[in-house]
N, C-alpha and C. Protein backbone atom coordinates (compact mmCIF):
# COMPACT_ATOMS: atom_id res chain seq x y z
N MET A 1 0.85 -1.20 0.00
CA MET A 1 0.00 0.00 0.00
C MET A 1 0.88 1.25 0.00
N THR A 2 0.36 2.29 -0.62
CA THR A 2 1.08 3.55 -0.69
C THR A 2 0.60 4.49 0.42
N THR A 3 1.41 5.50 0.70
CA THR A 3 1.00 6.51 1.69
C THR A 3 -0.26 7.22 1.22
N ALA A 4 -0.33 7.51 -0.09
CA ALA A 4 -1.51 8.21 -0.61
C ALA A 4 -2.77 7.37 -0.41
N ARG A 5 -2.69 6.09 -0.72
CA ARG A 5 -3.89 5.25 -0.56
C ARG A 5 -4.23 5.10 0.92
N ASP A 6 -3.22 4.94 1.78
CA ASP A 6 -3.49 4.85 3.22
C ASP A 6 -4.16 6.13 3.71
N LEU A 7 -3.68 7.28 3.21
CA LEU A 7 -4.29 8.57 3.61
C LEU A 7 -5.74 8.64 3.14
N ALA A 8 -6.01 8.16 1.93
CA ALA A 8 -7.39 8.16 1.42
C ALA A 8 -8.29 7.29 2.29
N ILE A 9 -7.78 6.15 2.72
CA ILE A 9 -8.56 5.25 3.59
C ILE A 9 -8.83 5.91 4.94
N VAL A 10 -7.77 6.48 5.52
CA VAL A 10 -7.91 7.17 6.82
C VAL A 10 -8.91 8.32 6.70
N ALA A 11 -8.85 9.05 5.59
CA ALA A 11 -9.76 10.19 5.38
C ALA A 11 -11.20 9.73 5.25
N LEU A 12 -11.44 8.65 4.52
CA LEU A 12 -12.82 8.14 4.39
C LEU A 12 -13.35 7.71 5.74
N ASP A 13 -12.50 7.08 6.53
CA ASP A 13 -12.89 6.66 7.87
C ASP A 13 -13.26 7.88 8.73
N ALA A 14 -12.40 8.91 8.67
CA ALA A 14 -12.63 10.12 9.48
C ALA A 14 -13.86 10.88 9.01
N ALA A 15 -14.14 10.85 7.70
CA ALA A 15 -15.26 11.62 7.14
C ALA A 15 -16.60 11.09 7.62
N ALA A 16 -16.63 9.86 8.14
CA ALA A 16 -17.88 9.32 8.67
C ALA A 16 -18.32 10.13 9.89
N ASP A 17 -17.34 10.68 10.64
CA ASP A 17 -17.66 11.47 11.84
C ASP A 17 -17.72 12.96 11.57
N LYS A 18 -16.83 13.43 10.68
CA LYS A 18 -16.74 14.88 10.45
C LYS A 18 -16.38 15.11 8.99
N PRO A 19 -17.19 15.91 8.26
CA PRO A 19 -16.87 16.15 6.86
C PRO A 19 -15.51 16.84 6.70
N LEU A 20 -14.78 16.45 5.68
CA LEU A 20 -13.47 17.04 5.41
C LEU A 20 -13.56 17.99 4.23
N GLU A 21 -12.68 18.97 4.21
CA GLU A 21 -12.58 19.86 3.05
C GLU A 21 -11.88 19.08 1.93
N GLN A 22 -12.59 18.87 0.81
CA GLN A 22 -12.02 18.06 -0.27
C GLN A 22 -10.75 18.67 -0.85
N GLY A 23 -10.69 20.00 -0.90
CA GLY A 23 -9.49 20.65 -1.43
C GLY A 23 -8.27 20.38 -0.57
N ASP A 24 -8.43 20.46 0.76
CA ASP A 24 -7.31 20.17 1.67
C ASP A 24 -6.85 18.74 1.50
N LEU A 25 -7.81 17.82 1.42
CA LEU A 25 -7.47 16.41 1.26
C LEU A 25 -6.76 16.17 -0.07
N SER A 26 -7.23 16.80 -1.14
CA SER A 26 -6.59 16.63 -2.45
C SER A 26 -5.14 17.10 -2.43
N LEU A 27 -4.89 18.24 -1.77
CA LEU A 27 -3.52 18.74 -1.66
C LEU A 27 -2.65 17.77 -0.86
N ALA A 28 -3.20 17.24 0.24
CA ALA A 28 -2.45 16.30 1.07
C ALA A 28 -2.18 14.99 0.31
N LEU A 29 -3.14 14.55 -0.50
CA LEU A 29 -2.94 13.34 -1.31
C LEU A 29 -1.83 13.55 -2.35
N ALA A 30 -1.81 14.74 -2.96
CA ALA A 30 -0.75 15.04 -3.93
C ALA A 30 0.61 15.05 -3.24
N ALA A 31 0.66 15.55 -2.01
CA ALA A 31 1.91 15.53 -1.24
C ALA A 31 2.31 14.08 -0.91
N ALA A 32 1.32 13.27 -0.55
CA ALA A 32 1.59 11.86 -0.25
C ALA A 32 2.18 11.17 -1.49
N GLU A 33 1.67 11.52 -2.66
CA GLU A 33 2.21 10.93 -3.89
C GLU A 33 3.68 11.31 -4.09
N VAL A 34 4.06 12.53 -3.69
CA VAL A 34 5.48 12.91 -3.79
C VAL A 34 6.32 11.96 -2.93
N PHE A 35 5.90 11.73 -1.69
CA PHE A 35 6.63 10.81 -0.82
C PHE A 35 6.70 9.41 -1.45
N ASP A 36 5.58 8.94 -1.98
CA ASP A 36 5.54 7.61 -2.60
C ASP A 36 6.46 7.53 -3.81
N LEU A 37 6.48 8.59 -4.61
CA LEU A 37 7.32 8.59 -5.83
C LEU A 37 8.80 8.72 -5.48
N VAL A 38 9.12 9.42 -4.40
CA VAL A 38 10.51 9.46 -3.93
C VAL A 38 10.93 8.05 -3.52
N GLU A 39 10.05 7.38 -2.76
CA GLU A 39 10.35 6.02 -2.30
C GLU A 39 10.50 5.06 -3.48
N ALA A 40 9.69 5.26 -4.51
CA ALA A 40 9.75 4.40 -5.71
C ALA A 40 10.89 4.81 -6.65
N LYS A 41 11.66 5.83 -6.24
CA LYS A 41 12.78 6.35 -7.05
C LYS A 41 12.32 6.88 -8.41
N ALA A 42 11.08 7.37 -8.45
CA ALA A 42 10.55 7.96 -9.68
C ALA A 42 10.85 9.45 -9.75
N LEU A 43 11.26 10.04 -8.61
CA LEU A 43 11.65 11.45 -8.60
C LEU A 43 12.62 11.70 -7.45
N VAL A 44 13.33 12.81 -7.57
CA VAL A 44 14.15 13.32 -6.46
C VAL A 44 13.85 14.80 -6.34
N LEU A 45 14.07 15.34 -5.16
CA LEU A 45 13.89 16.77 -4.97
C LEU A 45 15.24 17.46 -4.98
N ASP A 46 15.30 18.57 -5.71
CA ASP A 46 16.47 19.43 -5.71
C ASP A 46 15.98 20.77 -5.19
N GLY A 47 16.19 21.02 -3.88
CA GLY A 47 15.57 22.18 -3.25
C GLY A 47 14.07 21.94 -3.24
N ASP A 48 13.31 22.86 -3.85
CA ASP A 48 11.86 22.65 -3.91
C ASP A 48 11.42 22.21 -5.31
N ARG A 49 12.37 21.82 -6.16
CA ARG A 49 12.06 21.38 -7.53
C ARG A 49 11.96 19.86 -7.61
N ILE A 50 10.99 19.39 -8.38
CA ILE A 50 10.79 17.96 -8.57
C ILE A 50 11.51 17.54 -9.84
N LEU A 51 12.53 16.69 -9.69
CA LEU A 51 13.28 16.17 -10.84
C LEU A 51 12.86 14.73 -11.08
N PRO A 52 12.24 14.46 -12.22
CA PRO A 52 11.81 13.08 -12.48
C PRO A 52 13.00 12.17 -12.75
N SER A 53 12.88 10.93 -12.33
CA SER A 53 13.89 9.91 -12.61
C SER A 53 13.32 8.98 -13.68
N ALA A 54 14.05 7.91 -13.92
CA ALA A 54 13.58 6.93 -14.90
C ALA A 54 12.21 6.41 -14.46
N GLN A 55 11.30 6.34 -15.41
CA GLN A 55 9.92 5.94 -15.07
C GLN A 55 9.80 4.42 -15.12
N SER A 56 9.38 3.84 -14.02
CA SER A 56 9.11 2.40 -14.00
C SER A 56 7.81 2.19 -13.24
N PRO A 57 7.01 1.22 -13.66
CA PRO A 57 5.70 1.04 -13.03
C PRO A 57 5.81 0.77 -11.53
N THR A 58 4.90 1.36 -10.77
CA THR A 58 4.90 1.17 -9.32
C THR A 58 3.94 0.06 -8.91
N GLY A 59 3.03 -0.30 -9.83
CA GLY A 59 2.02 -1.29 -9.48
C GLY A 59 0.75 -0.66 -8.94
N ASP A 60 0.75 0.65 -8.79
CA ASP A 60 -0.43 1.38 -8.32
C ASP A 60 -0.88 2.31 -9.45
N ARG A 61 -2.12 2.17 -9.87
CA ARG A 61 -2.60 2.91 -11.04
C ARG A 61 -2.48 4.42 -10.87
N LEU A 62 -2.93 4.96 -9.75
CA LEU A 62 -2.90 6.41 -9.55
C LEU A 62 -1.47 6.93 -9.39
N LEU A 63 -0.63 6.13 -8.76
CA LEU A 63 0.77 6.54 -8.60
C LEU A 63 1.49 6.52 -9.95
N ASP A 64 1.18 5.55 -10.78
CA ASP A 64 1.76 5.52 -12.13
C ASP A 64 1.28 6.73 -12.94
N GLU A 65 0.01 7.09 -12.77
CA GLU A 65 -0.52 8.30 -13.42
C GLU A 65 0.25 9.53 -12.95
N ALA A 66 0.52 9.59 -11.65
CA ALA A 66 1.25 10.73 -11.08
C ALA A 66 2.66 10.80 -11.67
N ALA A 67 3.32 9.65 -11.75
CA ALA A 67 4.68 9.61 -12.30
C ALA A 67 4.68 10.07 -13.76
N ALA A 68 3.67 9.65 -14.51
CA ALA A 68 3.58 10.04 -15.92
C ALA A 68 3.29 11.53 -16.07
N ALA A 69 2.70 12.15 -15.05
CA ALA A 69 2.32 13.56 -15.13
C ALA A 69 3.45 14.51 -14.72
N LEU A 70 4.58 13.97 -14.26
CA LEU A 70 5.69 14.84 -13.84
C LEU A 70 6.21 15.66 -15.01
N VAL A 71 6.53 16.92 -14.74
CA VAL A 71 7.12 17.79 -15.76
C VAL A 71 8.56 17.33 -15.99
N ARG A 72 8.90 17.04 -17.24
CA ARG A 72 10.21 16.46 -17.54
C ARG A 72 11.14 17.42 -18.27
N GLN A 73 10.86 18.72 -18.17
CA GLN A 73 11.73 19.71 -18.81
C GLN A 73 12.12 20.77 -17.80
N GLU A 74 13.35 21.25 -17.92
CA GLU A 74 13.80 22.33 -17.03
C GLU A 74 12.96 23.57 -17.27
N PRO A 75 12.69 24.40 -16.27
CA PRO A 75 13.27 24.36 -14.92
C PRO A 75 12.55 23.41 -13.98
N TYR A 76 11.81 22.48 -14.51
CA TYR A 76 11.01 21.54 -13.73
C TYR A 76 9.95 22.28 -12.92
N GLU A 77 9.31 21.57 -12.02
CA GLU A 77 8.16 22.13 -11.32
C GLU A 77 8.45 22.18 -9.83
N SER A 78 7.98 23.23 -9.17
CA SER A 78 8.14 23.29 -7.71
C SER A 78 7.13 22.33 -7.07
N VAL A 79 7.43 21.94 -5.85
CA VAL A 79 6.52 21.04 -5.12
C VAL A 79 5.15 21.69 -4.99
N GLU A 80 5.11 22.99 -4.66
CA GLU A 80 3.81 23.64 -4.46
C GLU A 80 3.02 23.71 -5.77
N ASP A 81 3.70 23.98 -6.89
CA ASP A 81 3.00 23.98 -8.19
C ASP A 81 2.43 22.59 -8.48
N TRP A 82 3.22 21.56 -8.16
CA TRP A 82 2.76 20.18 -8.36
C TRP A 82 1.50 19.91 -7.53
N LEU A 83 1.51 20.34 -6.28
CA LEU A 83 0.36 20.09 -5.40
C LEU A 83 -0.91 20.69 -5.99
N TRP A 84 -0.82 21.93 -6.50
CA TRP A 84 -2.00 22.58 -7.07
C TRP A 84 -2.43 21.89 -8.35
N ARG A 85 -1.48 21.53 -9.19
CA ARG A 85 -1.83 20.93 -10.49
C ARG A 85 -2.34 19.49 -10.31
N ARG A 86 -1.59 18.67 -9.62
CA ARG A 86 -1.96 17.27 -9.43
C ARG A 86 -3.15 17.13 -8.49
N GLY A 87 -3.23 18.05 -7.52
CA GLY A 87 -4.28 17.92 -6.50
C GLY A 87 -5.69 18.19 -6.98
N ARG A 88 -5.84 18.83 -8.14
CA ARG A 88 -7.17 19.19 -8.62
C ARG A 88 -8.05 17.93 -8.78
N GLY A 89 -9.04 17.79 -7.90
CA GLY A 89 -9.98 16.67 -7.98
C GLY A 89 -9.40 15.33 -7.54
N LEU A 90 -8.23 15.34 -6.88
CA LEU A 90 -7.55 14.08 -6.56
C LEU A 90 -8.28 13.26 -5.50
N SER A 91 -8.95 13.93 -4.55
CA SER A 91 -9.66 13.17 -3.51
C SER A 91 -10.77 12.32 -4.15
N ALA A 92 -11.48 12.88 -5.12
CA ALA A 92 -12.53 12.12 -5.80
C ALA A 92 -11.93 10.95 -6.59
N ALA A 93 -10.76 11.17 -7.19
CA ALA A 93 -10.10 10.09 -7.95
C ALA A 93 -9.74 8.94 -7.02
N TYR A 94 -9.28 9.26 -5.81
CA TYR A 94 -8.92 8.19 -4.86
C TYR A 94 -10.16 7.47 -4.35
N VAL A 95 -11.24 8.21 -4.10
CA VAL A 95 -12.49 7.56 -3.67
C VAL A 95 -12.96 6.59 -4.76
N ASP A 96 -12.93 7.03 -6.01
CA ASP A 96 -13.34 6.16 -7.13
C ASP A 96 -12.44 4.95 -7.23
N ASP A 97 -11.12 5.16 -7.05
CA ASP A 97 -10.18 4.05 -7.17
C ASP A 97 -10.37 3.03 -6.05
N LEU A 98 -10.64 3.53 -4.83
CA LEU A 98 -10.88 2.60 -3.73
C LEU A 98 -12.11 1.73 -4.01
N GLU A 99 -13.12 2.34 -4.62
CA GLU A 99 -14.31 1.57 -4.97
C GLU A 99 -14.00 0.57 -6.09
N ARG A 100 -13.21 1.01 -7.05
CA ARG A 100 -12.85 0.16 -8.20
C ARG A 100 -12.13 -1.11 -7.76
N VAL A 101 -11.24 -0.97 -6.75
CA VAL A 101 -10.47 -2.14 -6.30
C VAL A 101 -11.18 -2.89 -5.17
N GLY A 102 -12.41 -2.47 -4.82
CA GLY A 102 -13.20 -3.22 -3.85
C GLY A 102 -12.93 -2.90 -2.39
N LEU A 103 -12.27 -1.76 -2.11
CA LEU A 103 -12.01 -1.39 -0.72
C LEU A 103 -13.13 -0.56 -0.12
N THR A 104 -14.04 -0.08 -0.97
CA THR A 104 -15.23 0.63 -0.48
C THR A 104 -16.44 0.10 -1.25
N ALA A 105 -17.60 0.43 -0.72
CA ALA A 105 -18.86 0.09 -1.38
C ALA A 105 -19.87 1.18 -1.06
N ARG A 106 -20.84 1.31 -1.90
CA ARG A 106 -21.93 2.25 -1.63
C ARG A 106 -23.09 1.46 -1.03
N PRO A 107 -23.57 1.89 0.13
CA PRO A 107 -24.66 1.13 0.74
C PRO A 107 -25.92 1.18 -0.11
N ARG A 108 -26.66 0.08 -0.09
CA ARG A 108 -27.91 0.02 -0.85
C ARG A 108 -29.07 0.40 0.05
N GLY A 109 -30.10 1.02 -0.56
CA GLY A 109 -31.29 1.38 0.20
C GLY A 109 -32.02 0.13 0.67
N ARG A 110 -32.79 0.25 1.75
CA ARG A 110 -33.48 -0.92 2.30
C ARG A 110 -34.58 -1.44 1.38
N ARG A 111 -35.38 -0.51 0.87
CA ARG A 111 -36.54 -0.96 0.07
C ARG A 111 -36.25 -0.97 -1.41
N ILE A 112 -35.53 0.03 -1.86
CA ILE A 112 -35.23 0.11 -3.29
C ILE A 112 -33.78 -0.29 -3.48
N PRO A 113 -33.52 -1.30 -4.28
CA PRO A 113 -32.15 -1.79 -4.40
C PRO A 113 -31.25 -0.91 -5.26
N LEU A 114 -31.32 0.39 -5.05
CA LEU A 114 -30.43 1.31 -5.76
C LEU A 114 -29.32 1.70 -4.82
N ARG A 115 -28.15 1.98 -5.40
CA ARG A 115 -27.04 2.42 -4.57
C ARG A 115 -27.30 3.85 -4.12
N THR A 116 -27.11 4.08 -2.83
CA THR A 116 -27.37 5.40 -2.28
C THR A 116 -26.18 5.87 -1.46
N GLY A 117 -26.12 7.15 -1.23
CA GLY A 117 -25.12 7.70 -0.31
C GLY A 117 -23.70 7.65 -0.82
N ARG A 118 -22.79 7.99 0.10
CA ARG A 118 -21.38 8.04 -0.27
C ARG A 118 -20.74 6.67 -0.02
N SER A 119 -19.52 6.51 -0.54
CA SER A 119 -18.79 5.27 -0.36
C SER A 119 -18.42 5.06 1.11
N VAL A 120 -18.50 3.81 1.55
CA VAL A 120 -18.04 3.46 2.90
C VAL A 120 -17.00 2.36 2.77
N LEU A 121 -16.06 2.36 3.69
CA LEU A 121 -15.00 1.36 3.66
C LEU A 121 -15.54 -0.01 4.04
N VAL A 122 -15.04 -1.03 3.37
CA VAL A 122 -15.37 -2.41 3.73
C VAL A 122 -14.22 -2.93 4.59
N ASP A 123 -14.48 -3.99 5.33
CA ASP A 123 -13.42 -4.58 6.14
C ASP A 123 -12.42 -5.25 5.20
N SER A 124 -11.17 -4.86 5.29
CA SER A 124 -10.15 -5.41 4.39
C SER A 124 -8.79 -5.31 5.05
N ALA A 125 -7.84 -6.08 4.52
CA ALA A 125 -6.47 -6.02 5.03
C ALA A 125 -5.89 -4.62 4.82
N ALA A 126 -6.23 -3.99 3.69
CA ALA A 126 -5.71 -2.65 3.39
C ALA A 126 -6.22 -1.64 4.42
N ARG A 127 -7.49 -1.76 4.78
CA ARG A 127 -8.05 -0.84 5.78
C ARG A 127 -7.38 -1.04 7.13
N ARG A 128 -7.21 -2.30 7.52
CA ARG A 128 -6.57 -2.58 8.81
C ARG A 128 -5.13 -2.06 8.82
N ALA A 129 -4.41 -2.24 7.71
CA ALA A 129 -3.01 -1.78 7.63
C ALA A 129 -2.94 -0.25 7.76
N ALA A 130 -3.85 0.46 7.08
CA ALA A 130 -3.87 1.92 7.16
C ALA A 130 -4.20 2.38 8.58
N GLU A 131 -5.16 1.71 9.22
CA GLU A 131 -5.55 2.07 10.58
C GLU A 131 -4.40 1.80 11.57
N GLU A 132 -3.68 0.68 11.35
CA GLU A 132 -2.54 0.37 12.22
C GLU A 132 -1.45 1.41 12.05
N ARG A 133 -1.21 1.81 10.81
CA ARG A 133 -0.18 2.82 10.53
C ARG A 133 -0.54 4.15 11.21
N ARG A 134 -1.82 4.51 11.14
CA ARG A 134 -2.25 5.76 11.79
C ARG A 134 -2.16 5.64 13.31
N ALA A 135 -2.63 4.50 13.85
CA ALA A 135 -2.62 4.30 15.30
C ALA A 135 -1.18 4.31 15.83
N ALA A 136 -0.24 3.83 15.02
CA ALA A 136 1.17 3.80 15.43
C ALA A 136 1.80 5.19 15.37
N GLY A 137 1.07 6.15 14.80
CA GLY A 137 1.58 7.52 14.73
C GLY A 137 2.70 7.68 13.71
N GLU A 138 2.65 6.88 12.63
CA GLU A 138 3.69 6.97 11.59
C GLU A 138 3.80 8.43 11.15
N PRO A 139 4.99 9.05 11.26
CA PRO A 139 5.11 10.50 11.14
C PRO A 139 4.62 11.12 9.84
N VAL A 140 4.96 10.52 8.70
CA VAL A 140 4.56 11.11 7.41
C VAL A 140 3.04 11.07 7.28
N LEU A 141 2.45 9.91 7.56
CA LEU A 141 0.99 9.79 7.46
C LEU A 141 0.30 10.74 8.45
N ALA A 142 0.82 10.83 9.67
CA ALA A 142 0.22 11.72 10.68
C ALA A 142 0.28 13.18 10.24
N ALA A 143 1.42 13.59 9.68
CA ALA A 143 1.57 14.98 9.26
C ALA A 143 0.65 15.30 8.08
N LEU A 144 0.54 14.38 7.13
CA LEU A 144 -0.34 14.60 5.97
C LEU A 144 -1.81 14.57 6.38
N ALA A 145 -2.15 13.68 7.30
CA ALA A 145 -3.53 13.63 7.80
C ALA A 145 -3.88 14.95 8.49
N ALA A 146 -2.95 15.49 9.28
CA ALA A 146 -3.19 16.77 9.96
C ALA A 146 -3.39 17.88 8.93
N ALA A 147 -2.61 17.86 7.85
CA ALA A 147 -2.77 18.88 6.79
C ALA A 147 -4.14 18.78 6.15
N ALA A 148 -4.70 17.55 6.08
CA ALA A 148 -6.02 17.35 5.49
C ALA A 148 -7.15 17.62 6.48
N GLY A 149 -6.80 17.96 7.73
CA GLY A 149 -7.82 18.25 8.73
C GLY A 149 -8.22 17.06 9.56
N ILE A 150 -7.38 16.00 9.56
CA ILE A 150 -7.67 14.80 10.34
C ILE A 150 -6.68 14.75 11.49
N GLY A 151 -7.15 14.99 12.69
CA GLY A 151 -6.25 14.94 13.83
C GLY A 151 -5.45 16.23 13.95
N ALA A 152 -4.68 16.30 15.03
CA ALA A 152 -3.91 17.51 15.32
C ALA A 152 -2.49 17.39 14.79
N GLU A 153 -1.89 18.54 14.54
CA GLU A 153 -0.48 18.57 14.16
C GLU A 153 0.35 18.04 15.33
N PRO A 154 1.44 17.29 15.04
CA PRO A 154 2.28 16.86 16.15
C PRO A 154 2.90 18.07 16.86
N ALA A 155 3.03 17.97 18.18
CA ALA A 155 3.55 19.09 18.97
C ALA A 155 4.98 19.45 18.56
N GLU A 156 5.78 18.42 18.27
CA GLU A 156 7.14 18.69 17.78
C GLU A 156 7.42 17.80 16.58
N ILE A 157 8.33 18.24 15.74
CA ILE A 157 8.62 17.50 14.52
C ILE A 157 9.44 16.27 14.87
N PRO A 158 8.93 15.08 14.52
CA PRO A 158 9.70 13.87 14.79
C PRO A 158 10.98 13.85 13.95
N GLU A 159 11.98 13.11 14.44
CA GLU A 159 13.26 13.04 13.73
C GLU A 159 13.10 12.55 12.31
N GLU A 160 12.16 11.63 12.09
CA GLU A 160 11.96 11.06 10.76
C GLU A 160 11.54 12.11 9.73
N LEU A 161 10.99 13.24 10.20
CA LEU A 161 10.53 14.28 9.29
C LEU A 161 11.50 15.45 9.19
N ALA A 162 12.67 15.30 9.81
CA ALA A 162 13.62 16.41 9.82
C ALA A 162 14.44 16.49 8.54
N GLY A 163 14.35 15.49 7.66
CA GLY A 163 15.12 15.49 6.42
C GLY A 163 14.63 16.56 5.46
N GLU A 164 15.48 16.88 4.49
CA GLU A 164 15.17 17.97 3.56
C GLU A 164 13.92 17.69 2.73
N THR A 165 13.77 16.44 2.25
CA THR A 165 12.61 16.10 1.43
C THR A 165 11.32 16.27 2.21
N ALA A 166 11.27 15.69 3.42
CA ALA A 166 10.06 15.78 4.24
C ALA A 166 9.74 17.22 4.59
N THR A 167 10.76 17.98 4.97
CA THR A 167 10.56 19.38 5.34
C THR A 167 10.00 20.17 4.16
N THR A 168 10.57 19.96 2.98
CA THR A 168 10.13 20.70 1.78
C THR A 168 8.69 20.37 1.42
N VAL A 169 8.36 19.08 1.40
CA VAL A 169 7.01 18.66 0.99
C VAL A 169 5.97 19.11 2.01
N LEU A 170 6.26 18.94 3.29
CA LEU A 170 5.29 19.31 4.33
C LEU A 170 5.11 20.82 4.41
N ALA A 171 6.18 21.58 4.20
CA ALA A 171 6.05 23.04 4.17
C ALA A 171 5.18 23.47 2.99
N ALA A 172 5.39 22.83 1.84
CA ALA A 172 4.61 23.18 0.64
C ALA A 172 3.13 22.86 0.84
N VAL A 173 2.82 21.70 1.40
CA VAL A 173 1.40 21.36 1.59
C VAL A 173 0.78 22.26 2.66
N GLY A 174 1.54 22.61 3.69
CA GLY A 174 1.03 23.53 4.71
C GLY A 174 0.69 24.89 4.11
N ASN A 175 1.60 25.41 3.27
CA ASN A 175 1.36 26.70 2.60
C ASN A 175 0.14 26.64 1.69
N ALA A 176 0.03 25.55 0.93
CA ALA A 176 -1.08 25.42 -0.02
C ALA A 176 -2.42 25.35 0.70
N VAL A 177 -2.46 24.60 1.81
CA VAL A 177 -3.70 24.48 2.58
C VAL A 177 -4.09 25.84 3.18
N MET A 178 -3.10 26.59 3.68
CA MET A 178 -3.39 27.93 4.24
C MET A 178 -3.89 28.86 3.14
N GLU A 179 -3.30 28.77 1.96
CA GLU A 179 -3.73 29.61 0.84
C GLU A 179 -5.17 29.28 0.44
N LEU A 180 -5.48 28.00 0.41
CA LEU A 180 -6.83 27.58 0.07
C LEU A 180 -7.84 28.07 1.11
N GLU A 181 -7.46 28.02 2.37
CA GLU A 181 -8.34 28.51 3.44
C GLU A 181 -8.57 30.01 3.31
N ALA A 182 -7.51 30.74 2.94
CA ALA A 182 -7.65 32.19 2.75
C ALA A 182 -8.62 32.49 1.61
N VAL A 183 -8.55 31.70 0.54
CA VAL A 183 -9.48 31.87 -0.59
C VAL A 183 -10.91 31.60 -0.13
N ARG A 184 -11.10 30.54 0.66
CA ARG A 184 -12.45 30.22 1.18
C ARG A 184 -13.00 31.36 2.02
N GLN A 185 -12.16 31.90 2.91
CA GLN A 185 -12.62 32.98 3.79
C GLN A 185 -12.96 34.23 2.98
N ARG A 186 -12.14 34.53 1.98
CA ARG A 186 -12.41 35.70 1.14
C ARG A 186 -13.74 35.52 0.42
N ARG A 187 -13.99 34.31 -0.06
CA ARG A 187 -15.24 34.03 -0.77
C ARG A 187 -16.44 34.19 0.17
N GLN A 188 -16.29 33.72 1.41
CA GLN A 188 -17.39 33.85 2.38
C GLN A 188 -17.69 35.32 2.66
N ILE A 189 -16.63 36.12 2.80
CA ILE A 189 -16.81 37.55 3.06
C ILE A 189 -17.51 38.21 1.88
N GLU A 190 -17.08 37.87 0.67
CA GLU A 190 -17.70 38.45 -0.54
C GLU A 190 -19.16 38.04 -0.65
N ASP A 191 -19.44 36.75 -0.36
CA ASP A 191 -20.83 36.27 -0.42
C ASP A 191 -21.70 36.98 0.61
N ALA A 192 -21.15 37.17 1.82
CA ALA A 192 -21.91 37.85 2.87
C ALA A 192 -22.18 39.30 2.47
N ALA A 193 -21.18 39.97 1.89
CA ALA A 193 -21.35 41.36 1.45
C ALA A 193 -22.41 41.44 0.36
N PHE A 194 -22.39 40.48 -0.56
CA PHE A 194 -23.37 40.44 -1.64
C PHE A 194 -24.78 40.27 -1.08
N ASP A 195 -24.93 39.35 -0.09
CA ASP A 195 -26.23 39.15 0.54
C ASP A 195 -26.72 40.42 1.22
N ASN A 196 -25.81 41.12 1.87
CA ASN A 196 -26.18 42.36 2.56
C ASN A 196 -26.65 43.44 1.57
N VAL A 197 -26.01 43.50 0.41
CA VAL A 197 -26.42 44.46 -0.62
C VAL A 197 -27.84 44.15 -1.06
N TRP A 198 -28.14 42.88 -1.29
CA TRP A 198 -29.49 42.51 -1.74
C TRP A 198 -30.53 42.78 -0.67
N ARG A 199 -30.15 42.57 0.59
CA ARG A 199 -31.11 42.83 1.68
C ARG A 199 -31.43 44.33 1.75
N GLY A 200 -30.48 45.18 1.32
CA GLY A 200 -30.69 46.61 1.38
C GLY A 200 -31.68 47.11 0.35
N TYR A 201 -32.00 46.30 -0.68
CA TYR A 201 -32.93 46.75 -1.73
C TYR A 201 -34.37 46.35 -1.43
């Protein structure tokens, strides 16, 4: 299992209790893919630039898609640019993929045998592995989950995340999530102002 898929499973589990911001989750999933692609030796980071390596299949459909989408010309792409570009709609892609491989199902209505509602996780080895990884407090997964709004940020940075790659990716996803939140707040203020104008007429 990949970090991105584990994060998607953890997020679906958490969403049963509290809705998540899909944009935050998509950005965190794109960051998780960077970690997975570094581990698969499909890319290396040079400062905040993503340098693609030789492309070889990872065995994961979405991760292979991510590897194929890497910019392969100088000056290459910054991690933050990658998060915005790759992250667009990524949470929905992971939900669809989990359903495709049988890790989730849509509950059926009691009387009418039509599929209803959102996807729910089924009991599986993949789900148990993701839950164990989260329960163990695995640093990369915990930090990405916190960026997606699942759980709290760790009080101090674990040693495992002190490396240049981890620092760069986590800083980029943190910045992107804050920027997205600022856009949401600006939109709310504009919508409220617009409503007030209409109430005045």
